[in-house]
Protein backbone atom coordinates (compact mmCIF):
# COMPACT_ATOMS: atom_id res chain seq x y z
CA MET A 1 0.00 0.00 0.00
CA ASN A 2 1.45 3.36 -0.94
CA THR A 3 -0.54 6.46 -0.14
CA ALA A 4 0.10 10.17 0.15
CA THR A 5 -1.66 10.77 3.43
CA LEU A 6 -1.22 14.55 3.42
CA GLU A 7 -2.75 14.92 0.01
CA ARG A 8 -4.05 12.03 -2.12
CA PRO A 9 -2.68 8.81 -3.59
CA LEU A 10 0.10 9.64 -6.05
CA ALA A 11 -1.71 7.85 -8.87
CA ALA A 12 -4.50 10.41 -8.57
CA VAL A 13 -2.18 13.40 -8.99
CA ALA A 14 -2.59 14.97 -12.42
CA ALA A 15 0.51 16.43 -14.09
CA GLU A 16 -0.88 19.98 -13.97
CA GLU A 17 -1.50 19.63 -10.22
CA ALA A 18 2.03 18.41 -9.45
CA SER A 19 3.45 21.93 -9.15
CA ALA A 20 1.04 22.65 -6.26
CA PHE A 21 2.69 20.02 -4.03
CA ARG A 22 5.60 21.03 -1.77
CA SER A 23 5.64 17.80 0.27
CA LEU A 24 4.12 14.33 0.39
CA ASP A 25 3.73 12.10 3.45
CA LEU A 26 3.95 8.43 2.46
CA GLN A 27 3.47 5.10 4.19
CA PHE A 28 4.45 1.69 2.78
CA SER A 29 4.04 -1.91 3.88
CA THR A 30 6.67 -3.59 1.63
CA ALA A 31 10.09 -2.71 0.27
CA ASP A 32 8.87 -2.98 -3.33
CA GLU A 33 6.08 -0.48 -2.66
CA MET A 34 8.56 1.81 -0.91
CA HIS A 35 11.00 1.93 -3.85
CA GLU A 36 8.27 2.56 -6.42
CA GLY A 37 6.41 5.02 -4.21
CA LEU A 38 9.49 7.10 -3.39
CA ASP A 39 10.48 7.20 -7.07
CA ASN A 40 6.97 8.39 -7.97
CA ALA A 41 6.96 11.00 -5.20
CA VAL A 42 10.30 12.46 -6.31
CA ALA A 43 9.08 12.53 -9.92
CA THR A 44 5.91 14.33 -8.78
CA LEU A 45 7.92 17.06 -7.01
CA ILE A 46 10.59 17.64 -9.66
CA GLU A 47 8.62 20.38 -11.45
CA THR A 48 7.97 22.25 -8.19
CA ALA A 49 11.64 21.95 -7.20
CA THR A 50 12.69 23.25 -10.61
CA GLU A 51 10.39 26.26 -10.31
CA ALA A 52 11.76 26.96 -6.81
CA SER A 53 15.39 26.39 -7.96
CA CYS A 54 16.05 23.93 -5.17
CA GLY A 55 16.28 20.20 -4.52
CA ILE A 56 14.24 17.45 -2.88
CA LEU A 57 14.66 15.97 0.60
CA VAL A 58 13.46 12.42 1.38
CA THR A 59 13.14 11.87 5.14
CA ARG A 60 12.55 8.48 6.79
CA LEU A 61 10.33 9.16 9.79
CA HIS A 62 10.13 5.52 10.93
CA PRO A 63 10.06 2.14 9.16
CA GLY A 64 7.68 2.41 6.22
CA ARG A 65 6.90 6.12 6.76
CA TYR A 66 8.54 8.87 4.69
CA THR A 67 8.18 12.53 3.80
CA VAL A 68 9.33 13.73 0.38
CA ALA A 69 9.59 17.53 0.16
CA VAL A 70 10.92 20.41 -1.89
CA ASP A 71 13.66 21.89 0.30
CA GLU A 72 15.63 25.12 -0.18
CA THR A 73 18.61 23.69 1.76
CA VAL A 74 19.10 21.01 -0.92
CA PRO A 75 21.02 22.23 -3.99
CA PHE A 76 19.11 22.54 -7.27
CA GLY A 77 18.97 19.28 -9.21
CA GLU A 78 19.83 17.06 -6.23
CA THR A 79 17.87 14.72 -3.97
CA TYR A 80 19.09 14.18 -0.40
CA GLU A 81 18.04 11.51 2.07
CA SER A 82 17.81 11.84 5.85
CA ILE A 83 16.59 9.85 8.83
CA ALA A 84 14.54 11.63 11.48
CA ALA A 85 15.91 10.98 14.96
């Protein structure tokens, strides 16, 4: 199961709506879902990050739970990963 709990499931996000997203909160139950879901979330936020001239931060909140966000502290064109303490 991969869902964007702050917004809507990623599959339901239309391309023209993607630029409205600054972050997505995701929860997964398997590793396969996690890899696909994180790839989709980053792809969804690329346009917004490009418009903001910054990068994307993927944060692991706890096992199976992630936040993917446009972040001004990440250099343009890059994606960083972090683990919340």
